[in-house]
N, C-alpha and C. Protein backbone atom coordinates (compact mmCIF):
# COMPACT_ATOMS: atom_id res chain seq x y z
N MET A 1 -73.79 -35.10 8.35
CA MET A 1 -72.91 -34.05 7.87
C MET A 1 -71.50 -34.59 7.77
N SER A 2 -70.87 -34.32 6.70
CA SER A 2 -69.54 -34.82 6.45
C SER A 2 -68.50 -33.85 7.03
N THR A 3 -67.44 -34.41 7.60
CA THR A 3 -66.37 -33.57 8.15
C THR A 3 -65.30 -33.29 7.12
N GLN A 4 -65.31 -34.00 6.05
CA GLN A 4 -64.32 -33.79 5.01
C GLN A 4 -64.90 -32.85 3.97
N ALA A 5 -64.13 -31.85 3.61
CA ALA A 5 -64.61 -30.87 2.63
C ALA A 5 -64.69 -31.52 1.27
N ASP A 6 -65.77 -31.24 0.61
CA ASP A 6 -65.98 -31.74 -0.75
C ASP A 6 -65.43 -30.70 -1.71
N ASP A 7 -64.60 -31.11 -2.66
CA ASP A 7 -64.00 -30.18 -3.62
C ASP A 7 -65.04 -29.37 -4.36
N SER A 8 -66.22 -29.90 -4.52
CA SER A 8 -67.25 -29.19 -5.27
C SER A 8 -67.82 -28.02 -4.48
N ASP A 9 -67.56 -27.98 -3.15
CA ASP A 9 -68.07 -26.88 -2.32
C ASP A 9 -67.28 -25.58 -2.52
N PHE A 10 -66.09 -25.69 -3.08
CA PHE A 10 -65.23 -24.51 -3.23
C PHE A 10 -64.94 -24.25 -4.68
N GLU A 11 -65.10 -23.00 -5.06
CA GLU A 11 -64.75 -22.61 -6.42
C GLU A 11 -63.46 -21.83 -6.37
N VAL A 12 -62.52 -22.27 -7.11
CA VAL A 12 -61.24 -21.59 -7.17
C VAL A 12 -61.13 -20.98 -8.55
N GLY A 13 -60.94 -19.67 -8.57
CA GLY A 13 -60.79 -19.00 -9.86
C GLY A 13 -59.48 -19.36 -10.51
N ARG A 14 -59.44 -19.27 -11.79
CA ARG A 14 -58.22 -19.56 -12.54
C ARG A 14 -57.21 -18.46 -12.28
N VAL A 15 -56.00 -18.84 -11.98
CA VAL A 15 -54.92 -17.89 -11.78
C VAL A 15 -54.25 -17.65 -13.12
N SER A 16 -54.12 -16.42 -13.48
CA SER A 16 -53.52 -16.11 -14.78
C SER A 16 -52.00 -16.29 -14.71
N ASP A 17 -51.39 -16.37 -15.87
CA ASP A 17 -49.93 -16.48 -15.94
C ASP A 17 -49.27 -15.25 -15.34
N LEU A 18 -49.90 -14.09 -15.49
CA LEU A 18 -49.36 -12.85 -14.92
C LEU A 18 -49.34 -12.92 -13.40
N ASP A 19 -50.42 -13.44 -12.80
CA ASP A 19 -50.46 -13.61 -11.35
C ASP A 19 -49.37 -14.56 -10.87
N ASP A 20 -49.17 -15.65 -11.62
CA ASP A 20 -48.12 -16.59 -11.26
C ASP A 20 -46.75 -15.92 -11.29
N GLU A 21 -46.51 -15.12 -12.30
CA GLU A 21 -45.21 -14.46 -12.44
C GLU A 21 -45.01 -13.42 -11.33
N LEU A 22 -46.05 -12.67 -10.99
CA LEU A 22 -45.94 -11.69 -9.90
C LEU A 22 -45.66 -12.37 -8.57
N THR A 23 -46.34 -13.47 -8.31
CA THR A 23 -46.11 -14.23 -7.07
C THR A 23 -44.69 -14.77 -7.04
N ALA A 24 -44.25 -15.31 -8.15
CA ALA A 24 -42.88 -15.84 -8.21
C ALA A 24 -41.86 -14.73 -7.98
N GLU A 25 -42.11 -13.56 -8.53
CA GLU A 25 -41.19 -12.43 -8.34
C GLU A 25 -41.13 -12.00 -6.88
N LEU A 26 -42.28 -11.99 -6.23
CA LEU A 26 -42.30 -11.65 -4.81
C LEU A 26 -41.46 -12.63 -4.00
N PHE A 27 -41.62 -13.91 -4.28
CA PHE A 27 -40.85 -14.91 -3.55
C PHE A 27 -39.37 -14.84 -3.90
N ARG A 28 -39.05 -14.60 -5.16
CA ARG A 28 -37.64 -14.47 -5.55
C ARG A 28 -36.99 -13.32 -4.82
N SER A 29 -37.68 -12.17 -4.76
CA SER A 29 -37.09 -10.99 -4.13
C SER A 29 -36.94 -11.18 -2.62
N SER A 30 -37.74 -12.07 -2.04
CA SER A 30 -37.64 -12.31 -0.60
C SER A 30 -36.44 -13.17 -0.25
N PHE A 31 -36.01 -14.02 -1.17
CA PHE A 31 -34.95 -14.96 -0.86
C PHE A 31 -33.63 -14.69 -1.57
N GLN A 32 -33.58 -13.70 -2.41
CA GLN A 32 -32.34 -13.39 -3.11
C GLN A 32 -31.75 -12.12 -2.55
N PRO A 33 -30.41 -12.01 -2.57
CA PRO A 33 -29.79 -10.79 -2.10
C PRO A 33 -30.15 -9.62 -3.02
N SER A 34 -30.08 -8.46 -2.46
CA SER A 34 -30.40 -7.24 -3.21
C SER A 34 -29.42 -7.04 -4.36
N PRO A 35 -29.90 -6.61 -5.52
CA PRO A 35 -29.01 -6.39 -6.66
C PRO A 35 -28.29 -5.05 -6.59
N ARG A 36 -28.23 -4.43 -5.42
CA ARG A 36 -27.63 -3.10 -5.24
C ARG A 36 -26.21 -3.08 -5.82
N THR A 37 -25.91 -2.03 -6.50
CA THR A 37 -24.60 -1.87 -7.09
C THR A 37 -23.56 -1.70 -6.00
N ALA A 38 -22.52 -2.48 -6.06
CA ALA A 38 -21.46 -2.39 -5.05
C ALA A 38 -20.44 -1.34 -5.47
N GLY A 39 -19.83 -0.73 -4.49
CA GLY A 39 -18.73 0.19 -4.76
C GLY A 39 -19.13 1.57 -5.22
N VAL A 40 -20.35 2.00 -4.94
CA VAL A 40 -20.78 3.32 -5.38
C VAL A 40 -20.09 4.41 -4.56
N THR A 41 -19.90 4.17 -3.29
CA THR A 41 -19.25 5.14 -2.42
C THR A 41 -17.85 4.66 -2.12
N ARG A 42 -16.91 5.58 -2.25
CA ARG A 42 -15.50 5.24 -1.99
C ARG A 42 -14.92 6.24 -1.01
N ARG A 43 -13.89 5.79 -0.31
CA ARG A 43 -13.14 6.73 0.54
C ARG A 43 -12.23 7.54 -0.36
N TRP A 44 -12.19 8.84 -0.10
CA TRP A 44 -11.35 9.74 -0.91
C TRP A 44 -9.90 9.26 -0.94
N ARG A 45 -9.39 8.85 0.21
CA ARG A 45 -7.97 8.48 0.29
C ARG A 45 -7.65 7.19 -0.48
N ASP A 46 -8.67 6.43 -0.87
CA ASP A 46 -8.46 5.18 -1.60
C ASP A 46 -8.66 5.33 -3.12
N MET A 47 -9.00 6.52 -3.57
CA MET A 47 -9.28 6.71 -5.00
C MET A 47 -8.02 7.03 -5.79
N SER A 48 -8.04 6.61 -7.05
CA SER A 48 -6.96 6.98 -7.96
C SER A 48 -7.17 8.43 -8.39
N ALA A 49 -6.16 9.02 -8.99
CA ALA A 49 -6.25 10.41 -9.46
C ALA A 49 -7.39 10.56 -10.47
N GLU A 50 -7.58 9.57 -11.32
CA GLU A 50 -8.66 9.63 -12.32
C GLU A 50 -10.03 9.57 -11.64
N GLN A 51 -10.17 8.70 -10.65
CA GLN A 51 -11.43 8.61 -9.91
C GLN A 51 -11.73 9.91 -9.17
N VAL A 52 -10.69 10.47 -8.55
CA VAL A 52 -10.87 11.72 -7.80
C VAL A 52 -11.39 12.82 -8.71
N ALA A 53 -10.84 12.93 -9.91
CA ALA A 53 -11.28 13.98 -10.84
C ALA A 53 -12.76 13.82 -11.19
N VAL A 54 -13.17 12.59 -11.43
CA VAL A 54 -14.57 12.32 -11.78
C VAL A 54 -15.48 12.61 -10.58
N VAL A 55 -15.07 12.17 -9.40
CA VAL A 55 -15.88 12.36 -8.20
C VAL A 55 -15.99 13.84 -7.86
N TRP A 56 -14.88 14.60 -7.98
CA TRP A 56 -14.94 16.04 -7.71
C TRP A 56 -15.93 16.73 -8.63
N GLN A 57 -15.90 16.41 -9.91
CA GLN A 57 -16.82 17.07 -10.86
C GLN A 57 -18.26 16.70 -10.55
N SER A 58 -18.48 15.43 -10.25
CA SER A 58 -19.83 14.98 -9.90
C SER A 58 -20.31 15.68 -8.62
N LEU A 59 -19.43 15.79 -7.63
CA LEU A 59 -19.80 16.44 -6.38
C LEU A 59 -20.06 17.93 -6.61
N PHE A 60 -19.24 18.58 -7.41
CA PHE A 60 -19.43 20.01 -7.70
C PHE A 60 -20.80 20.24 -8.34
N ASP A 61 -21.13 19.43 -9.33
CA ASP A 61 -22.44 19.56 -9.99
C ASP A 61 -23.58 19.30 -9.02
N TRP A 62 -23.41 18.28 -8.18
CA TRP A 62 -24.45 17.94 -7.22
C TRP A 62 -24.63 19.05 -6.18
N VAL A 63 -23.54 19.61 -5.69
CA VAL A 63 -23.63 20.68 -4.68
C VAL A 63 -24.36 21.89 -5.27
N ARG A 64 -24.09 22.23 -6.51
CA ARG A 64 -24.81 23.35 -7.14
C ARG A 64 -26.31 23.06 -7.20
N TRP A 65 -26.67 21.82 -7.56
CA TRP A 65 -28.07 21.43 -7.58
C TRP A 65 -28.66 21.47 -6.16
N PHE A 66 -27.94 20.91 -5.21
CA PHE A 66 -28.39 20.81 -3.83
C PHE A 66 -28.65 22.19 -3.22
N VAL A 67 -27.71 23.11 -3.37
CA VAL A 67 -27.85 24.46 -2.82
C VAL A 67 -29.03 25.17 -3.46
N ALA A 68 -29.17 25.05 -4.77
CA ALA A 68 -30.28 25.71 -5.47
C ALA A 68 -31.63 25.09 -5.10
N THR A 69 -31.69 23.77 -5.06
CA THR A 69 -32.95 23.07 -4.78
C THR A 69 -33.46 23.36 -3.38
N TYR A 70 -32.57 23.33 -2.41
CA TYR A 70 -32.97 23.51 -1.01
C TYR A 70 -32.75 24.94 -0.50
N GLN A 71 -32.39 25.84 -1.42
CA GLN A 71 -32.22 27.27 -1.10
C GLN A 71 -31.34 27.45 0.14
N LEU A 72 -30.16 26.83 0.11
CA LEU A 72 -29.25 26.90 1.25
C LEU A 72 -28.40 28.16 1.17
N THR A 73 -28.21 28.80 2.30
CA THR A 73 -27.43 30.03 2.36
C THR A 73 -25.95 29.70 2.53
N THR A 74 -25.13 30.73 2.43
CA THR A 74 -23.69 30.53 2.62
C THR A 74 -23.34 30.18 4.06
N SER A 75 -24.28 30.37 4.99
CA SER A 75 -24.02 29.94 6.37
C SER A 75 -24.14 28.43 6.51
N VAL A 76 -24.70 27.77 5.50
CA VAL A 76 -24.78 26.31 5.48
C VAL A 76 -23.70 25.75 4.56
N VAL A 77 -23.67 26.21 3.32
CA VAL A 77 -22.64 25.78 2.35
C VAL A 77 -21.94 27.04 1.85
N PRO A 78 -20.73 27.30 2.34
CA PRO A 78 -20.02 28.50 1.90
C PRO A 78 -19.59 28.37 0.44
N ASP A 79 -19.34 29.49 -0.20
CA ASP A 79 -18.91 29.45 -1.60
C ASP A 79 -17.59 28.70 -1.78
N CYS A 80 -16.78 28.66 -0.73
CA CYS A 80 -15.49 27.96 -0.79
C CYS A 80 -15.58 26.57 -0.16
N TRP A 81 -16.74 25.95 -0.23
CA TRP A 81 -16.99 24.65 0.41
C TRP A 81 -15.94 23.62 0.06
N TRP A 82 -15.49 23.62 -1.17
CA TRP A 82 -14.55 22.62 -1.66
C TRP A 82 -13.16 22.75 -1.05
N ARG A 83 -12.91 23.84 -0.31
CA ARG A 83 -11.61 24.05 0.33
C ARG A 83 -11.62 23.63 1.80
N HIS A 84 -12.74 23.04 2.25
CA HIS A 84 -12.87 22.63 3.65
C HIS A 84 -13.21 21.15 3.70
N SER A 85 -12.25 20.34 4.13
CA SER A 85 -12.41 18.88 4.08
C SER A 85 -13.62 18.39 4.87
N GLU A 86 -13.95 19.02 6.00
CA GLU A 86 -15.09 18.57 6.79
C GLU A 86 -16.41 18.87 6.08
N VAL A 87 -16.47 19.98 5.36
CA VAL A 87 -17.68 20.32 4.58
C VAL A 87 -17.78 19.38 3.37
N VAL A 88 -16.65 19.13 2.74
CA VAL A 88 -16.63 18.20 1.60
C VAL A 88 -17.10 16.81 2.04
N ALA A 89 -16.61 16.34 3.18
CA ALA A 89 -16.99 15.01 3.66
C ALA A 89 -18.50 14.94 3.90
N GLU A 90 -19.07 15.97 4.50
CA GLU A 90 -20.51 15.99 4.77
C GLU A 90 -21.31 16.04 3.46
N LEU A 91 -20.89 16.88 2.54
CA LEU A 91 -21.60 17.00 1.26
C LEU A 91 -21.49 15.72 0.44
N TYR A 92 -20.32 15.10 0.47
CA TYR A 92 -20.15 13.84 -0.26
C TYR A 92 -21.06 12.76 0.33
N ALA A 93 -21.13 12.70 1.66
CA ALA A 93 -22.02 11.73 2.30
C ALA A 93 -23.47 12.00 1.91
N LEU A 94 -23.86 13.25 1.89
CA LEU A 94 -25.23 13.61 1.48
C LEU A 94 -25.49 13.24 0.03
N GLN A 95 -24.53 13.52 -0.82
CA GLN A 95 -24.69 13.19 -2.24
C GLN A 95 -24.89 11.69 -2.41
N ARG A 96 -24.06 10.90 -1.75
CA ARG A 96 -24.16 9.45 -1.89
C ARG A 96 -25.47 8.94 -1.30
N ALA A 97 -25.89 9.51 -0.17
CA ALA A 97 -27.16 9.09 0.44
C ALA A 97 -28.34 9.44 -0.47
N GLU A 98 -28.29 10.62 -1.06
CA GLU A 98 -29.38 11.02 -1.96
C GLU A 98 -29.42 10.12 -3.18
N MET A 99 -28.26 9.79 -3.72
CA MET A 99 -28.21 8.91 -4.89
C MET A 99 -28.69 7.50 -4.53
N ALA A 100 -28.29 7.00 -3.36
CA ALA A 100 -28.68 5.66 -2.93
C ALA A 100 -30.17 5.57 -2.66
N SER A 101 -30.79 6.69 -2.35
CA SER A 101 -32.22 6.65 -2.05
C SER A 101 -33.08 6.50 -3.30
N PHE A 102 -32.45 6.55 -4.46
CA PHE A 102 -33.20 6.39 -5.71
C PHE A 102 -32.71 5.19 -6.53
N THR A 103 -32.19 4.17 -5.86
CA THR A 103 -31.76 2.98 -6.58
C THR A 103 -32.97 2.14 -6.98
N SER A 104 -32.77 1.28 -7.93
CA SER A 104 -33.89 0.48 -8.45
C SER A 104 -34.44 -0.49 -7.42
N ASP A 105 -33.64 -0.86 -6.43
CA ASP A 105 -34.13 -1.82 -5.43
C ASP A 105 -34.73 -1.14 -4.20
N ASP A 106 -34.82 0.19 -4.21
CA ASP A 106 -35.42 0.90 -3.08
C ASP A 106 -36.94 0.75 -3.13
N SER A 107 -37.53 0.49 -1.99
CA SER A 107 -38.98 0.28 -1.93
C SER A 107 -39.77 1.58 -1.93
N GLY A 108 -39.08 2.70 -1.94
CA GLY A 108 -39.77 3.99 -1.94
C GLY A 108 -39.53 4.78 -0.67
N PHE A 109 -38.90 4.16 0.31
CA PHE A 109 -38.64 4.85 1.56
C PHE A 109 -37.31 5.58 1.56
N GLY A 110 -36.45 5.31 0.60
CA GLY A 110 -35.14 5.97 0.52
C GLY A 110 -35.24 7.48 0.48
N PRO A 111 -36.03 8.04 -0.43
CA PRO A 111 -36.14 9.50 -0.47
C PRO A 111 -36.70 10.08 0.83
N LEU A 112 -37.64 9.40 1.43
CA LEU A 112 -38.19 9.86 2.71
C LEU A 112 -37.12 9.83 3.79
N ALA A 113 -36.36 8.76 3.85
CA ALA A 113 -35.29 8.64 4.84
C ALA A 113 -34.24 9.73 4.62
N PHE A 114 -33.92 10.01 3.36
CA PHE A 114 -32.96 11.08 3.06
C PHE A 114 -33.48 12.41 3.62
N HIS A 115 -34.74 12.70 3.38
CA HIS A 115 -35.30 13.97 3.85
C HIS A 115 -35.48 14.02 5.36
N GLU A 116 -35.67 12.87 5.98
CA GLU A 116 -35.73 12.85 7.45
C GLU A 116 -34.38 13.15 8.07
N ARG A 117 -33.31 12.73 7.41
CA ARG A 117 -31.96 12.96 7.93
C ARG A 117 -31.38 14.31 7.49
N LEU A 118 -31.95 14.90 6.49
CA LEU A 118 -31.43 16.15 5.93
C LEU A 118 -31.28 17.28 6.95
N PRO A 119 -32.25 17.54 7.82
CA PRO A 119 -32.07 18.63 8.79
C PRO A 119 -30.85 18.44 9.70
N HIS A 120 -30.55 17.20 10.05
CA HIS A 120 -29.37 16.93 10.88
C HIS A 120 -28.09 17.24 10.10
N ALA A 121 -28.07 16.85 8.85
CA ALA A 121 -26.90 17.12 8.02
C ALA A 121 -26.73 18.61 7.80
N VAL A 122 -27.82 19.33 7.57
CA VAL A 122 -27.75 20.78 7.38
C VAL A 122 -27.20 21.45 8.64
N GLU A 123 -27.62 20.98 9.79
CA GLU A 123 -27.11 21.54 11.05
C GLU A 123 -25.61 21.27 11.21
N ARG A 124 -25.18 20.06 10.84
CA ARG A 124 -23.73 19.77 10.88
C ARG A 124 -22.98 20.64 9.91
N LEU A 125 -23.53 20.84 8.71
CA LEU A 125 -22.88 21.74 7.74
C LEU A 125 -22.78 23.15 8.30
N ARG A 126 -23.85 23.62 8.93
CA ARG A 126 -23.85 24.96 9.52
C ARG A 126 -22.75 25.07 10.59
N THR A 127 -22.60 24.03 11.41
CA THR A 127 -21.55 24.03 12.44
C THR A 127 -20.17 24.04 11.82
N HIS A 128 -19.96 23.20 10.81
CA HIS A 128 -18.65 23.18 10.13
C HIS A 128 -18.34 24.53 9.51
N THR A 129 -19.33 25.13 8.88
CA THR A 129 -19.13 26.42 8.22
C THR A 129 -18.82 27.51 9.24
N ARG A 130 -19.55 27.49 10.35
CA ARG A 130 -19.29 28.47 11.41
C ARG A 130 -17.87 28.31 11.94
N THR A 131 -17.45 27.07 12.15
CA THR A 131 -16.10 26.79 12.64
C THR A 131 -15.05 27.23 11.64
N ALA A 132 -15.32 27.04 10.37
CA ALA A 132 -14.37 27.44 9.32
C ALA A 132 -14.17 28.96 9.31
N GLY A 133 -15.22 29.70 9.62
CA GLY A 133 -15.11 31.16 9.73
C GLY A 133 -15.19 31.94 8.45
N CYS A 134 -15.51 31.31 7.35
CA CYS A 134 -15.51 32.01 6.06
C CYS A 134 -16.70 32.95 5.88
N VAL A 135 -17.84 32.61 6.44
CA VAL A 135 -19.04 33.40 6.21
C VAL A 135 -18.94 34.76 6.88
N GLY A 136 -18.48 34.79 8.14
CA GLY A 136 -18.34 36.06 8.85
C GLY A 136 -17.35 37.00 8.19
N LEU A 137 -16.33 36.43 7.60
CA LEU A 137 -15.31 37.25 6.93
C LEU A 137 -15.72 37.66 5.53
N GLN A 138 -16.73 36.99 4.99
CA GLN A 138 -17.16 37.17 3.60
C GLN A 138 -16.05 36.84 2.61
N SER A 139 -15.10 36.03 3.05
CA SER A 139 -14.05 35.53 2.17
C SER A 139 -13.52 34.23 2.78
N HIS A 140 -12.74 33.52 2.00
CA HIS A 140 -12.22 32.23 2.45
C HIS A 140 -11.17 32.42 3.53
N LYS A 141 -11.26 31.61 4.55
CA LYS A 141 -10.25 31.57 5.61
C LYS A 141 -9.60 30.20 5.51
N GLU A 142 -8.33 30.18 5.24
CA GLU A 142 -7.61 28.93 5.05
C GLU A 142 -7.64 28.12 6.35
N PRO A 143 -8.08 26.87 6.28
CA PRO A 143 -8.13 26.07 7.50
C PRO A 143 -6.73 25.71 7.99
N VAL A 144 -6.60 25.62 9.29
CA VAL A 144 -5.35 25.17 9.89
C VAL A 144 -5.45 23.66 10.02
N ILE A 145 -4.56 22.98 9.37
CA ILE A 145 -4.57 21.53 9.39
C ILE A 145 -3.81 21.05 10.62
N ARG A 146 -4.46 20.26 11.42
CA ARG A 146 -3.81 19.71 12.60
C ARG A 146 -3.34 18.31 12.27
N VAL A 147 -2.07 18.07 12.52
CA VAL A 147 -1.49 16.76 12.30
C VAL A 147 -1.06 16.24 13.66
N VAL A 148 -1.55 15.07 14.00
CA VAL A 148 -1.16 14.45 15.27
C VAL A 148 0.30 14.03 15.14
N PRO A 149 1.13 14.52 16.05
CA PRO A 149 2.57 14.22 15.92
C PRO A 149 2.89 12.76 16.20
N ALA A 150 3.94 12.29 15.56
CA ALA A 150 4.44 10.94 15.85
C ALA A 150 5.08 11.01 17.23
N ASP A 151 4.89 9.98 18.01
CA ASP A 151 5.40 9.98 19.37
C ASP A 151 6.00 8.62 19.66
N LEU A 152 7.26 8.61 20.06
CA LEU A 152 7.92 7.35 20.36
C LEU A 152 7.27 6.65 21.55
N ALA A 153 6.69 7.41 22.46
CA ALA A 153 6.00 6.81 23.61
C ALA A 153 4.82 5.98 23.13
N PHE A 154 4.18 6.36 22.05
CA PHE A 154 3.07 5.58 21.51
C PHE A 154 3.55 4.21 21.05
N ASP A 155 4.73 4.17 20.42
CA ASP A 155 5.26 2.89 19.96
C ASP A 155 5.41 1.91 21.12
N ASP A 156 5.90 2.39 22.27
CA ASP A 156 6.02 1.53 23.45
C ASP A 156 4.64 1.16 23.99
N TRP A 157 3.75 2.12 24.03
CA TRP A 157 2.43 1.93 24.60
C TRP A 157 1.63 0.87 23.83
N LYS A 158 1.70 0.93 22.51
CA LYS A 158 0.88 0.00 21.71
C LYS A 158 1.34 -1.44 21.85
N LEU A 159 2.57 -1.64 22.29
CA LEU A 159 3.08 -3.00 22.45
C LEU A 159 2.76 -3.60 23.81
N SER A 160 2.30 -2.78 24.74
CA SER A 160 2.00 -3.30 26.08
C SER A 160 0.52 -3.70 26.18
N ALA A 161 0.23 -4.48 27.23
CA ALA A 161 -1.14 -4.95 27.45
C ALA A 161 -1.98 -3.81 28.02
N HIS A 162 -3.23 -3.69 27.53
CA HIS A 162 -4.11 -2.60 27.96
C HIS A 162 -5.42 -3.10 28.54
N GLN A 163 -5.52 -4.37 28.80
CA GLN A 163 -6.74 -4.91 29.37
C GLN A 163 -6.50 -5.24 30.85
N PHE A 164 -7.55 -5.08 31.63
CA PHE A 164 -7.44 -5.43 33.05
C PHE A 164 -7.17 -6.92 33.18
N GLY A 165 -6.27 -7.24 34.06
CA GLY A 165 -5.96 -8.64 34.30
C GLY A 165 -5.01 -9.24 33.30
N ALA A 166 -4.55 -8.42 32.36
CA ALA A 166 -3.61 -8.95 31.35
C ALA A 166 -2.20 -8.94 31.89
């Protein structure tokens, strides 16, 4: 009995050009960075006036879709949502997450992940809305903006050492 395999003992089927291309694509996708579009989400404070106008309209349209699709009550998203920065921040994050879950490079888990996180976001929206107080009043309650005051003591404090042993 021979210990060396004889090539005639094994039949290897012909690999089609399509199989070669699929295999190559799998290997390419494993070693190349994701083609995800950069810069889709921006900080509000870093946007130009033109960008802000576009983002507001996009967010307004998305919120109308979101409220209708998920049958959200005013205790979650009040009618004056756009006048409450904490509600806007949460809705914008949700909008961007929902959009990112449908990118071309998503393996299919993005929408599932969005829906797994959705109940937490809805609960945060409910808390923000309750804190805003608009739903109980059935009208908008203007938020009180808190501004942390400038303090000269902070200027001295930031210049001193704050680590043990320093």
